[in-house]
Amino acid sequence: MQPLLEFVKRHARSYTYSIRASRMPGAEPVPCYIDRGHVSLTACLQDAAQALSTNFPRVNVRYQDVCMGEIDARQLTRNAEQIASAWMLADEHRAQARSRRVASEGTESSPTF
């Protein structure tokens, strides 16, 4: 079994993670562990990696409901700051693209005279 490690940004400076069994067909498994939160994504990554790396060298990862793929748990510890920066930047780009899409859909449906 390879665990699914899911990171969620709750507030501007509040991140949490949960660990669950990898997804099987059907309902999503209930988390077996939910962290209480960290003030940075970097700290959250490091804490999760330290908890898992001994028994699970590789984990499947999601950030903000987006699959980030399979990652070596030790990489999360060694490169936590770079990984966190890349994930937050990607999330920001997704949010901007979503805003542009919503804005363009709104202008396309508006009648012009």
PDB file of N, CA and C in Angstrom:
ATOM      1  N   MET A   1       0.838  -1.188   0.000  1.00  0.00           N
ATOM      2  CA  MET A   1       0.000   0.000   0.000  1.00  0.00           C
ATOM      3  C   MET A   1       0.878   1.246   0.000  1.00  0.00           C
ATOM      4  N   GLN A   2       0.507   2.171  -0.836  1.00  0.00           N
ATOM      5  CA  GLN A   2       1.198   3.452  -0.879  1.00  0.00           C
ATOM      6  C   GLN A   2       0.204   4.518  -0.420  1.00  0.00           C
ATOM      7  N   PRO A   3       0.524   5.263   0.623  1.00  0.00           N
ATOM      8  CA  PRO A   3      -0.443   6.227   1.149  1.00  0.00           C
ATOM      9  C   PRO A   3      -0.647   7.433   0.237  1.00  0.00           C
ATOM     10  N   LEU A   4      -1.804   8.055   0.422  1.00  0.00           N
ATOM     11  CA  LEU A   4      -2.115   9.317  -0.237  1.00  0.00           C
ATOM     12  C   LEU A   4      -1.950  10.405   0.812  1.00  0.00           C
ATOM     13  N   LEU A   5      -1.089  11.342   0.528  1.00  0.00           N
ATOM     14  CA  LEU A   5      -0.788  12.452   1.423  1.00  0.00           C
ATOM     15  C   LEU A   5      -1.433  13.687   0.810  1.00  0.00           C
ATOM     16  N   GLU A   6      -2.383  14.290   1.514  1.00  0.00           N
ATOM     17  CA  GLU A   6      -3.126  15.420   0.968  1.00  0.00           C
ATOM     18  C   GLU A   6      -2.887  16.671   1.804  1.00  0.00           C
ATOM     19  N   PHE A   7      -2.459  17.739   1.121  1.00  0.00           N
ATOM     20  CA  PHE A   7      -2.191  19.023   1.767  1.00  0.00           C
ATOM     21  C   PHE A   7      -3.283  20.010   1.385  1.00  0.00           C
ATOM     22  N   VAL A   8      -3.731  20.793   2.376  1.00  0.00           N
ATOM     23  CA  VAL A   8      -4.797  21.765   2.157  1.00  0.00           C
ATOM     24  C   VAL A   8      -4.417  23.082   2.816  1.00  0.00           C
ATOM     25  N   LYS A   9      -4.614  24.164   2.075  1.00  0.00           N
ATOM     26  CA  LYS A   9      -4.436  25.509   2.635  1.00  0.00           C
ATOM     27  C   LYS A   9      -5.784  25.918   3.215  1.00  0.00           C
ATOM     28  N   ARG A  10      -5.824  26.092   4.543  1.00  0.00           N
ATOM     29  CA  ARG A  10      -7.086  26.439   5.201  1.00  0.00           C
ATOM     30  C   ARG A  10      -7.308  27.945   5.249  1.00  0.00           C
ATOM     31  N   HIS A  11      -6.261  28.693   5.533  1.00  0.00           N
ATOM     32  CA  HIS A  11      -6.318  30.152   5.618  1.00  0.00           C
ATOM     33  C   HIS A  11      -5.009  30.691   5.061  1.00  0.00           C
ATOM     34  N   ALA A  12      -4.828  31.994   5.095  1.00  0.00           N
ATOM     35  CA  ALA A  12      -3.623  32.610   4.536  1.00  0.00           C
ATOM     36  C   ALA A  12      -2.338  31.995   5.090  1.00  0.00           C
ATOM     37  N   ARG A  13      -2.298  31.711   6.375  1.00  0.00           N
ATOM     38  CA  ARG A  13      -1.095  31.114   6.975  1.00  0.00           C
ATOM     39  C   ARG A  13      -1.453  29.884   7.811  1.00  0.00           C
ATOM     40  N   SER A  14      -2.243  29.015   7.212  1.00  0.00           N
ATOM     41  CA  SER A  14      -2.641  27.797   7.913  1.00  0.00           C
ATOM     42  C   SER A  14      -2.763  26.646   6.918  1.00  0.00           C
ATOM     43  N   TYR A  15      -1.913  25.660   7.097  1.00  0.00           N
ATOM     44  CA  TYR A  15      -1.885  24.483   6.232  1.00  0.00           C
ATOM     45  C   TYR A  15      -2.057  23.234   7.074  1.00  0.00           C
ATOM     46  N   THR A  16      -2.690  22.245   6.503  1.00  0.00           N
ATOM     47  CA  THR A  16      -2.861  20.968   7.183  1.00  0.00           C
ATOM     48  C   THR A  16      -2.676  19.840   6.182  1.00  0.00           C
ATOM     49  N   TYR A  17      -2.486  18.644   6.696  1.00  0.00           N
ATOM     50  CA  TYR A  17      -2.396  17.488   5.809  1.00  0.00           C
ATOM     51  C   TYR A  17      -3.119  16.306   6.421  1.00  0.00           C
ATOM     52  N   SER A  18      -3.490  15.387   5.558  1.00  0.00           N
ATOM     53  CA  SER A  18      -4.097  14.140   6.014  1.00  0.00           C
ATOM     54  C   SER A  18      -3.435  12.990   5.275  1.00  0.00           C
ATOM     55  N   ILE A  19      -3.503  11.830   5.885  1.00  0.00           N
ATOM     56  CA  ILE A  19      -2.936  10.620   5.301  1.00  0.00           C
ATOM     57  C   ILE A  19      -4.062   9.603   5.206  1.00  0.00           C
ATOM     58  N   ARG A  20      -4.169   8.979   4.062  1.00  0.00           N
ATOM     59  CA  ARG A  20      -5.180   7.940   3.870  1.00  0.00           C
ATOM     60  C   ARG A  20      -4.627   6.862   2.952  1.00  0.00           C
ATOM     61  N   ALA A  21      -5.303   5.739   2.909  1.00  0.00           N
ATOM     62  CA  ALA A  21      -4.917   4.680   1.981  1.00  0.00           C
ATOM     63  C   ALA A  21      -5.127   5.200   0.565  1.00  0.00           C
ATOM     64  N   SER A  22      -4.345   4.702  -0.369  1.00  0.00           N
ATOM     65  CA  SER A  22      -4.518   5.116  -1.762  1.00  0.00           C
ATOM     66  C   SER A  22      -5.935   4.824  -2.209  1.00  0.00           C
ATOM     67  N   ARG A  23      -6.392   5.646  -3.111  1.00  0.00           N
ATOM     68  CA  ARG A  23      -7.769   5.556  -3.573  1.00  0.00           C
ATOM     69  C   ARG A  23      -8.026   4.255  -4.332  1.00  0.00           C
ATOM     70  N   MET A  24      -9.099   3.618  -3.984  1.00  0.00           N
ATOM     71  CA  MET A  24      -9.567   2.418  -4.671  1.00  0.00           C
ATOM     72  C   MET A  24     -10.865   2.792  -5.383  1.00  0.00           C
ATOM     73  N   PRO A  25     -11.319   1.968  -6.310  1.00  0.00           N
ATOM     74  CA  PRO A  25     -12.614   2.254  -6.937  1.00  0.00           C
ATOM     75  C   PRO A  25     -13.706   2.363  -5.869  1.00  0.00           C
ATOM     76  N   GLY A  26     -14.591   3.311  -6.050  1.00  0.00           N
ATOM     77  CA  GLY A  26     -15.661   3.511  -5.074  1.00  0.00           C
ATOM     78  C   GLY A  26     -15.403   4.726  -4.213  1.00  0.00           C
ATOM     79  N   ALA A  27     -15.908   4.683  -3.002  1.00  0.00           N
ATOM     80  CA  ALA A  27     -15.798   5.819  -2.084  1.00  0.00           C
ATOM     81  C   ALA A  27     -14.348   6.063  -1.670  1.00  0.00           C
ATOM     82  N   GLU A  28     -14.035   7.329  -1.453  1.00  0.00           N
ATOM     83  CA  GLU A  28     -12.689   7.698  -1.007  1.00  0.00           C
ATOM     84  C   GLU A  28     -12.487   7.229   0.430  1.00  0.00           C
ATOM     85  N   PRO A  29     -11.330   6.603   0.718  1.00  0.00           N
ATOM     86  CA  PRO A  29     -11.076   6.131   2.085  1.00  0.00           C
ATOM     87  C   PRO A  29     -11.029   7.284   3.089  1.00  0.00           C
ATOM     88  N   VAL A  30     -11.443   7.001   4.287  1.00  0.00           N
ATOM     89  CA  VAL A  30     -11.409   7.978   5.373  1.00  0.00           C
ATOM     90  C   VAL A  30      -9.955   8.183   5.797  1.00  0.00           C
ATOM     91  N   PRO A  31      -9.543   9.432   6.073  1.00  0.00           N
ATOM     92  CA  PRO A  31      -8.161   9.650   6.524  1.00  0.00           C
ATOM     93  C   PRO A  31      -7.873   8.889   7.815  1.00  0.00           C
ATOM     94  N   CYS A  32      -6.684   8.318   7.890  1.00  0.00           N
ATOM     95  CA  CYS A  32      -6.287   7.642   9.125  1.00  0.00           C
ATOM     96  C   CYS A  32      -5.546   8.611  10.044  1.00  0.00           C
ATOM     97  N   TYR A  33      -5.178   9.768   9.514  1.00  0.00           N
ATOM     98  CA  TYR A  33      -4.505  10.784  10.326  1.00  0.00           C
ATOM     99  C   TYR A  33      -4.802  12.147   9.722  1.00  0.00           C
ATOM    100  N   ILE A  34      -5.144  13.106  10.556  1.00  0.00           N
ATOM    101  CA  ILE A  34      -5.334  14.492  10.114  1.00  0.00           C
ATOM    102  C   ILE A  34      -4.507  15.370  11.028  1.00  0.00           C
ATOM    103  N   ASP A  35      -3.597  16.119  10.430  1.00  0.00           N
ATOM    104  CA  ASP A  35      -2.723  17.015  11.178  1.00  0.00           C
ATOM    105  C   ASP A  35      -3.511  18.227  11.653  1.00  0.00           C
ATOM    106  N   ARG A  36      -3.101  18.824  12.741  1.00  0.00           N
ATOM    107  CA  ARG A  36      -3.800  19.983  13.305  1.00  0.00           C
ATOM    108  C   ARG A  36      -3.428  21.306  12.647  1.00  0.00           C
ATOM    109  N   GLY A  37      -2.361  21.352  11.877  1.00  0.00           N
ATOM    110  CA  GLY A  37      -2.049  22.558  11.129  1.00  0.00           C
ATOM    111  C   GLY A  37      -0.675  23.131  11.390  1.00  0.00           C
ATOM    112  N   HIS A  38      -0.184  23.843  10.386  1.00  0.00           N
ATOM    113  CA  HIS A  38       1.119  24.511  10.430  1.00  0.00           C
ATOM    114  C   HIS A  38       0.970  25.904   9.826  1.00  0.00           C
ATOM    115  N   VAL A  39       1.885  26.798  10.156  1.00  0.00           N
ATOM    116  CA  VAL A  39       1.805  28.170   9.651  1.00  0.00           C
ATOM    117  C   VAL A  39       2.407  28.313   8.259  1.00  0.00           C
ATOM    118  N   SER A  40       3.086  27.285   7.760  1.00  0.00           N
ATOM    119  CA  SER A  40       3.633  27.350   6.402  1.00  0.00           C
ATOM    120  C   SER A  40       3.496  25.992   5.734  1.00  0.00           C
ATOM    121  N   LEU A  41       3.412  26.013   4.414  1.00  0.00           N
ATOM    122  CA  LEU A  41       3.357  24.762   3.668  1.00  0.00           C
ATOM    123  C   LEU A  41       4.675  24.011   3.811  1.00  0.00           C
ATOM    124  N   THR A  42       5.785  24.730   3.883  1.00  0.00           N
ATOM    125  CA  THR A  42       7.095  24.095   4.068  1.00  0.00           C
ATOM    126  C   THR A  42       7.118  23.263   5.347  1.00  0.00           C
ATOM    127  N   ALA A  43       6.665  23.837   6.453  1.00  0.00           N
ATOM    128  CA  ALA A  43       6.632  23.106   7.729  1.00  0.00           C
ATOM    129  C   ALA A  43       5.699  21.906   7.644  1.00  0.00           C
ATOM    130  N   CYS A  44       4.604  22.066   6.955  1.00  0.00           N
ATOM    131  CA  CYS A  44       3.640  20.983   6.789  1.00  0.00           C
ATOM    132  C   CYS A  44       4.269  19.829   5.998  1.00  0.00           C
ATOM    133  N   LEU A  45       4.971  20.157   4.906  1.00  0.00           N
ATOM    134  CA  LEU A  45       5.652  19.141   4.096  1.00  0.00           C
ATOM    135  C   LEU A  45       6.692  18.394   4.922  1.00  0.00           C
ATOM    136  N   GLN A  46       7.487  19.136   5.664  1.00  0.00           N
ATOM    137  CA  GLN A  46       8.546  18.517   6.467  1.00  0.00           C
ATOM    138  C   GLN A  46       7.967  17.586   7.527  1.00  0.00           C
ATOM    139  N   ASP A  47       6.913  18.022   8.197  1.00  0.00           N
ATOM    140  CA  ASP A  47       6.299  17.201   9.235  1.00  0.00           C
ATOM    141  C   ASP A  47       5.737  15.908   8.644  1.00  0.00           C
ATOM    142  N   ALA A  48       5.031  16.021   7.540  1.00  0.00           N
ATOM    143  CA  ALA A  48       4.453  14.841   6.898  1.00  0.00           C
ATOM    144  C   ALA A  48       5.539  13.886   6.423  1.00  0.00           C
ATOM    145  N   ALA A  49       6.581  14.424   5.821  1.00  0.00           N
ATOM    146  CA  ALA A  49       7.672  13.585   5.310  1.00  0.00           C
ATOM    147  C   ALA A  49       8.378  12.845   6.438  1.00  0.00           C
ATOM    148  N   GLN A  50       8.614  13.527   7.543  1.00  0.00           N
ATOM    149  CA  GLN A  50       9.266  12.872   8.680  1.00  0.00           C
ATOM    150  C   GLN A  50       8.397  11.745   9.230  1.00  0.00           C
ATOM    151  N   ALA A  51       7.105  11.948   9.224  1.00  0.00           N
ATOM    152  CA  ALA A  51       6.194  10.928   9.741  1.00  0.00           C
ATOM    153  C   ALA A  51       6.130   9.701   8.834  1.00  0.00           C
ATOM    154  N   LEU A  52       6.276   9.906   7.529  1.00  0.00           N
ATOM    155  CA  LEU A  52       6.075   8.808   6.584  1.00  0.00           C
ATOM    156  C   LEU A  52       7.339   8.151   6.050  1.00  0.00           C
ATOM    157  N   SER A  53       8.432   8.886   5.946  1.00  0.00           N
ATOM    158  CA  SER A  53       9.600   8.403   5.205  1.00  0.00           C
ATOM    159  C   SER A  53      10.193   7.102   5.738  1.00  0.00           C
ATOM    160  N   THR A  54      10.049   6.823   7.016  1.00  0.00           N
ATOM    161  CA  THR A  54      10.599   5.588   7.575  1.00  0.00           C
ATOM    162  C   THR A  54       9.902   4.356   7.007  1.00  0.00           C
ATOM    163  N   ASN A  55       8.586   4.386   6.944  1.00  0.00           N
ATOM    164  CA  ASN A  55       7.817   3.229   6.484  1.00  0.00           C
ATOM    165  C   ASN A  55       7.368   3.309   5.030  1.00  0.00           C
ATOM    166  N   PHE A  56       7.305   4.514   4.484  1.00  0.00           N
ATOM    167  CA  PHE A  56       6.815   4.698   3.121  1.00  0.00           C
ATOM    168  C   PHE A  56       7.787   5.587   2.350  1.00  0.00           C
ATOM    169  N   PRO A  57       8.703   5.002   1.596  1.00  0.00           N
ATOM    170  CA  PRO A  57       9.672   5.810   0.875  1.00  0.00           C
ATOM    171  C   PRO A  57       9.048   6.674  -0.221  1.00  0.00           C
ATOM    172  N   ARG A  58       7.920   6.242  -0.776  1.00  0.00           N
ATOM    173  CA  ARG A  58       7.242   7.015  -1.817  1.00  0.00           C
ATOM    174  C   ARG A  58       5.778   7.187  -1.425  1.00  0.00           C
ATOM    175  N   VAL A  59       5.225   8.353  -1.742  1.00  0.00           N
ATOM    176  CA  VAL A  59       3.823   8.642  -1.424  1.00  0.00           C
ATOM    177  C   VAL A  59       3.159   9.324  -2.614  1.00  0.00           C
ATOM    178  N   ASN A  60       1.859   9.124  -2.743  1.00  0.00           N
ATOM    179  CA  ASN A  60       1.068   9.877  -3.710  1.00  0.00           C
ATOM    180  C   ASN A  60       0.648  11.162  -3.012  1.00  0.00           C
ATOM    181  N   VAL A  61       0.691  12.276  -3.742  1.00  0.00           N
ATOM    182  CA  VAL A  61       0.447  13.569  -3.105  1.00  0.00           C
ATOM    183  C   VAL A  61      -0.609  14.366  -3.866  1.00  0.00           C
ATOM    184  N   ARG A  62      -1.475  15.043  -3.085  1.00  0.00           N
ATOM    185  CA  ARG A  62      -2.422  16.023  -3.629  1.00  0.00           C
ATOM    186  C   ARG A  62      -2.240  17.319  -2.855  1.00  0.00           C
ATOM    187  N   TYR A  63      -2.367  18.431  -3.585  1.00  0.00           N
ATOM    188  CA  TYR A  63      -2.331  19.752  -2.957  1.00  0.00           C
ATOM    189  C   TYR A  63      -3.521  20.532  -3.497  1.00  0.00           C
ATOM    190  N   GLN A  64      -4.366  20.996  -2.617  1.00  0.00           N
ATOM    191  CA  GLN A  64      -5.560  21.752  -2.990  1.00  0.00           C
ATOM    192  C   GLN A  64      -6.408  20.971  -4.005  1.00  0.00           C
ATOM    193  N   ASP A  65      -6.592  19.687  -3.764  1.00  0.00           N
ATOM    194  CA  ASP A  65      -7.394  18.794  -4.611  1.00  0.00           C
ATOM    195  C   ASP A  65      -6.809  18.539  -5.998  1.00  0.00           C
ATOM    196  N   VAL A  66      -5.541  18.838  -6.193  1.00  0.00           N
ATOM    197  CA  VAL A  66      -4.870  18.579  -7.469  1.00  0.00           C
ATOM    198  C   VAL A  66      -3.801  17.516  -7.242  1.00  0.00           C
ATOM    199  N   CYS A  67      -3.818  16.486  -8.078  1.00  0.00           N
ATOM    200  CA  CYS A  67      -2.822  15.426  -7.961  1.00  0.00           C
ATOM    201  C   CYS A  67      -1.451  15.977  -8.345  1.00  0.00           C
ATOM    202  N   MET A  68      -0.495  15.841  -7.438  1.00  0.00           N
ATOM    203  CA  MET A  68       0.869  16.304  -7.692  1.00  0.00           C
ATOM    204  C   MET A  68       1.775  15.129  -8.058  1.00  0.00           C
ATOM    205  N   GLY A  69       1.220  13.926  -8.054  1.00  0.00           N
ATOM    206  CA  GLY A  69       1.969  12.750  -8.461  1.00  0.00           C
ATOM    207  C   GLY A  69       2.573  11.983  -7.301  1.00  0.00           C
ATOM    208  N   GLU A  70       3.441  11.068  -7.670  1.00  0.00           N
ATOM    209  CA  GLU A  70       4.141  10.239  -6.692  1.00  0.00           C
ATOM    210  C   GLU A  70       5.480  10.895  -6.384  1.00  0.00           C
ATOM    211  N   ILE A  71       5.806  11.018  -5.103  1.00  0.00           N
ATOM    212  CA  ILE A  71       7.016  11.729  -4.688  1.00  0.00           C
ATOM    213  C   ILE A  71       7.776  10.897  -3.664  1.00  0.00           C
ATOM    214  N   ASP A  72       9.086  10.945  -3.756  1.00  0.00           N
ATOM    215  CA  ASP A  72       9.954  10.319  -2.760  1.00  0.00           C
ATOM    216  C   ASP A  72       9.789  11.115  -1.463  1.00  0.00           C
ATOM    217  N   ALA A  73       9.408  10.450  -0.386  1.00  0.00           N
ATOM    218  CA  ALA A  73       9.150  11.132   0.888  1.00  0.00           C
ATOM    219  C   ALA A  73      10.377  11.884   1.388  1.00  0.00           C
ATOM    220  N   ARG A  74      11.570  11.359   1.127  1.00  0.00           N
ATOM    221  CA  ARG A  74      12.790  12.057   1.560  1.00  0.00           C
ATOM    222  C   ARG A  74      12.974  13.371   0.805  1.00  0.00           C
ATOM    223  N   GLN A  75      12.495  13.421  -0.458  1.00  0.00           N
ATOM    224  CA  GLN A  75      12.562  14.669  -1.228  1.00  0.00           C
ATOM    225  C   GLN A  75      11.734  15.763  -0.556  1.00  0.00           C
ATOM    226  N   LEU A  76      10.599  15.359   0.021  1.00  0.00           N
ATOM    227  CA  LEU A  76       9.756  16.339   0.710  1.00  0.00           C
ATOM    228  C   LEU A  76      10.506  16.986   1.865  1.00  0.00           C
ATOM    229  N   THR A  77      11.353  16.229   2.525  1.00  0.00           N
ATOM    230  CA  THR A  77      12.143  16.771   3.634  1.00  0.00           C
ATOM    231  C   THR A  77      13.284  17.630   3.117  1.00  0.00           C
ATOM    232  N   ARG A  78      14.046  17.088   2.177  1.00  0.00           N
ATOM    233  CA  ARG A  78      15.237  17.797   1.681  1.00  0.00           C
ATOM    234  C   ARG A  78      14.903  19.052   0.886  1.00  0.00           C
ATOM    235  N   ASN A  79      13.823  19.012   0.129  1.00  0.00           N
ATOM    236  CA  ASN A  79      13.491  20.123  -0.769  1.00  0.00           C
ATOM    237  C   ASN A  79      12.139  20.750  -0.445  1.00  0.00           C
ATOM    238  N   ALA A  80      11.758  20.725   0.811  1.00  0.00           N
ATOM    239  CA  ALA A  80      10.428  21.197   1.206  1.00  0.00           C
ATOM    240  C   ALA A  80      10.163  22.633   0.772  1.00  0.00           C
ATOM    241  N   GLU A  81      11.130  23.501   0.934  1.00  0.00           N
ATOM    242  CA  GLU A  81      10.914  24.911   0.592  1.00  0.00           C
ATOM    243  C   GLU A  81      10.686  25.100  -0.909  1.00  0.00           C
ATOM    244  N   GLN A  82      11.500  24.439  -1.732  1.00  0.00           N
ATOM    245  CA  GLN A  82      11.354  24.557  -3.187  1.00  0.00           C
ATOM    246  C   GLN A  82      10.039  23.928  -3.661  1.00  0.00           C
ATOM    247  N   ILE A  83       9.705  22.773  -3.105  1.00  0.00           N
ATOM    248  CA  ILE A  83       8.456  22.104  -3.485  1.00  0.00           C
ATOM    249  C   ILE A  83       7.263  22.964  -3.089  1.00  0.00           C
ATOM    250  N   ALA A  84       7.269  23.496  -1.875  1.00  0.00           N
ATOM    251  CA  ALA A  84       6.171  24.345  -1.408  1.00  0.00           C
ATOM    252  C   ALA A  84       6.017  25.569  -2.306  1.00  0.00           C
ATOM    253  N   SER A  85       7.120  26.205  -2.661  1.00  0.00           N
ATOM    254  CA  SER A  85       7.065  27.384  -3.537  1.00  0.00           C
ATOM    255  C   SER A  85       6.473  27.030  -4.893  1.00  0.00           C
ATOM    256  N   ALA A  86       6.908  25.914  -5.461  1.00  0.00           N
ATOM    257  CA  ALA A  86       6.407  25.495  -6.772  1.00  0.00           C
ATOM    258  C   ALA A  86       4.912  25.183  -6.716  1.00  0.00           C
ATOM    259  N   TRP A  87       4.476  24.487  -5.671  1.00  0.00           N
ATOM    260  CA  TRP A  87       3.063  24.147  -5.550  1.00  0.00           C
ATOM    261  C   TRP A  87       2.200  25.389  -5.361  1.00  0.00           C
ATOM    262  N   MET A  88       2.664  26.330  -4.530  1.00  0.00           N
ATOM    263  CA  MET A  88       1.881  27.551  -4.296  1.00  0.00           C
ATOM    264  C   MET A  88       1.802  28.392  -5.566  1.00  0.00           C
ATOM    265  N   LEU A  89       2.894  28.449  -6.326  1.00  0.00           N
ATOM    266  CA  LEU A  89       2.893  29.190  -7.587  1.00  0.00           C
ATOM    267  C   LEU A  89       1.928  28.543  -8.582  1.00  0.00           C
ATOM    268  N   ALA A  90       1.967  27.224  -8.688  1.00  0.00           N
ATOM    269  CA  ALA A  90       1.055  26.515  -9.584  1.00  0.00           C
ATOM    270  C   ALA A  90      -0.396  26.744  -9.167  1.00  0.00           C
ATOM    271  N   ASP A  91      -0.659  26.743  -7.867  1.00  0.00           N
ATOM    272  CA  ASP A  91      -2.010  26.982  -7.369  1.00  0.00           C
ATOM    273  C   ASP A  91      -2.467  28.400  -7.698  1.00  0.00           C
ATOM    274  N   GLU A  92      -1.559  29.357  -7.572  1.00  0.00           N
ATOM    275  CA  GLU A  92      -1.877  30.748  -7.914  1.00  0.00           C
ATOM    276  C   GLU A  92      -2.200  30.872  -9.403  1.00  0.00           C
ATOM    277  N   HIS A  93      -1.428  30.200 -10.250  1.00  0.00           N
ATOM    278  CA  HIS A  93      -1.685  30.235 -11.693  1.00  0.00           C
ATOM    279  C   HIS A  93      -3.035  29.605 -12.025  1.00  0.00           C
ATOM    280  N   ARG A  94      -3.377  28.502 -11.357  1.00  0.00           N
ATOM    281  CA  ARG A  94      -4.687  27.875 -11.581  1.00  0.00           C
ATOM    282  C   ARG A  94      -5.810  28.828 -11.181  1.00  0.00           C
ATOM    283  N   ALA A  95      -5.644  29.514 -10.061  1.00  0.00           N
ATOM    284  CA  ALA A  95      -6.669  30.458  -9.597  1.00  0.00           C
ATOM    285  C   ALA A  95      -6.822  31.615 -10.580  1.00  0.00           C
ATOM    286  N   GLN A  96      -5.706  32.127 -11.098  1.00  0.00           N
ATOM    287  CA  GLN A  96      -5.766  33.219 -12.075  1.00  0.00           C
ATOM    288  C   GLN A  96      -6.441  32.762 -13.363  1.00  0.00           C
ATOM    289  N   ALA A  97      -6.103  31.567 -13.825  1.00  0.00           N
ATOM    290  CA  ALA A  97      -6.717  31.035 -15.045  1.00  0.00           C
ATOM    291  C   ALA A  97      -8.218  30.849 -14.849  1.00  0.00           C
ATOM    292  N   ARG A  98      -8.593  30.358 -13.676  1.00  0.00           N
ATOM    293  CA  ARG A  98     -10.007  30.169 -13.357  1.00  0.00           C
ATOM    294  C   ARG A  98     -10.728  31.519 -13.357  1.00  0.00           C
ATOM    295  N   SER A  99     -10.110  32.554 -12.789  1.00  0.00           N
ATOM    296  CA  SER A  99     -10.716  33.891 -12.752  1.00  0.00           C
ATOM    297  C   SER A  99     -10.885  34.454 -14.153  1.00  0.00           C
ATOM    298  N   ARG A 100      -9.854  34.274 -14.991  1.00  0.00           N
ATOM    299  CA  ARG A 100      -9.950  34.758 -16.375  1.00  0.00           C
ATOM    300  C   ARG A 100     -11.056  34.029 -17.129  1.00  0.00           C
ATOM    301  N   ARG A 101     -11.163  32.724 -16.908  1.00  0.00           N
ATOM    302  CA  ARG A 101     -12.186  31.930 -17.583  1.00  0.00           C
ATOM    303  C   ARG A 101     -13.577  32.389 -17.155  1.00  0.00           C
ATOM    304  N   VAL A 102     -13.776  32.602 -15.868  1.00  0.00           N
ATOM    305  CA  VAL A 102     -15.069  33.062 -15.360  1.00  0.00           C
ATOM    306  C   VAL A 102     -15.386  34.446 -15.911  1.00  0.00           C
ATOM    307  N   ALA A 103     -14.388  35.324 -15.941  1.00  0.00           N
ATOM    308  CA  ALA A 103     -14.598  36.678 -16.460  1.00  0.00           C
ATOM    309  C   ALA A 103     -14.962  36.641 -17.940  1.00  0.00           C
ATOM    310  N   SER A 104     -14.282  35.800 -18.710  1.00  0.00           N
ATOM    311  CA  SER A 104     -14.572  35.745 -20.147  1.00  0.00           C
ATOM    312  C   SER A 104     -15.932  35.107 -20.405  1.00  0.00           C
ATOM    313  N   GLU A 105     -16.330  34.152 -19.599  1.00  0.00           N
ATOM    314  CA  GLU A 105     -17.656  33.555 -19.746  1.00  0.00           C
ATOM    315  C   GLU A 105     -18.731  34.585 -19.440  1.00  0.00           C
ATOM    316  N   GLY A 106     -18.476  35.445 -18.477  1.00  0.00           N
ATOM    317  CA  GLY A 106     -19.435  36.484 -18.118  1.00  0.00           C
ATOM    318  C   GLY A 106     -19.597  37.514 -19.216  1.00  0.00           C
ATOM    319  N   THR A 107     -18.502  37.884 -19.889  1.00  0.00           N
ATOM    320  CA  THR A 107     -18.591  38.883 -20.956  1.00  0.00           C
ATOM    321  C   THR A 107     -19.158  38.294 -22.228  1.00  0.00           C
ATOM    322  N   GLU A 108     -18.941  37.005 -22.463  1.00  0.00           N
ATOM    323  CA  GLU A 108     -19.476  36.373 -23.668  1.00  0.00           C
ATOM    324  C   GLU A 108     -20.988  36.269 -23.614  1.00  0.00           C
ATOM    325  N   SER A 109     -21.537  36.077 -22.434  1.00  0.00           N
ATOM    326  CA  SER A 109     -22.982  35.906 -22.320  1.00  0.00           C
ATOM    327  C   SER A 109     -23.718  37.239 -22.165  1.00  0.00           C
ATOM    328  N   SER A 110     -22.970  38.335 -21.974  1.00  0.00           N
ATOM    329  CA  SER A 110     -23.608  39.643 -21.832  1.00  0.00           C
ATOM    330  C   SER A 110     -24.045  40.152 -23.198  1.00  0.00           C
ATOM    331  N   PRO A 111     -25.276  40.623 -23.300  1.00  0.00           N
ATOM    332  CA  PRO A 111     -25.729  41.154 -24.593  1.00  0.00           C
ATOM    333  C   PRO A 111     -25.019  42.465 -24.910  1.00  0.00           C
ATOM    334  N   THR A 112     -24.699  42.651 -26.168  1.00  0.00           N
ATOM    335  CA  THR A 112     -24.089  43.910 -26.610  1.00  0.00           C
ATOM    336  C   THR A 112     -25.049  44.597 -27.558  1.00  0.00           C
ATOM    337  N   PHE A 113     -25.167  45.899 -27.433  1.00  0.00           N
ATOM    338  CA  PHE A 113     -26.089  46.676 -28.263  1.00  0.00           C
ATOM    339  C   PHE A 113     -25.351  47.667 -29.081  1.00  0.00           C
TER     340      PHE A 113
END
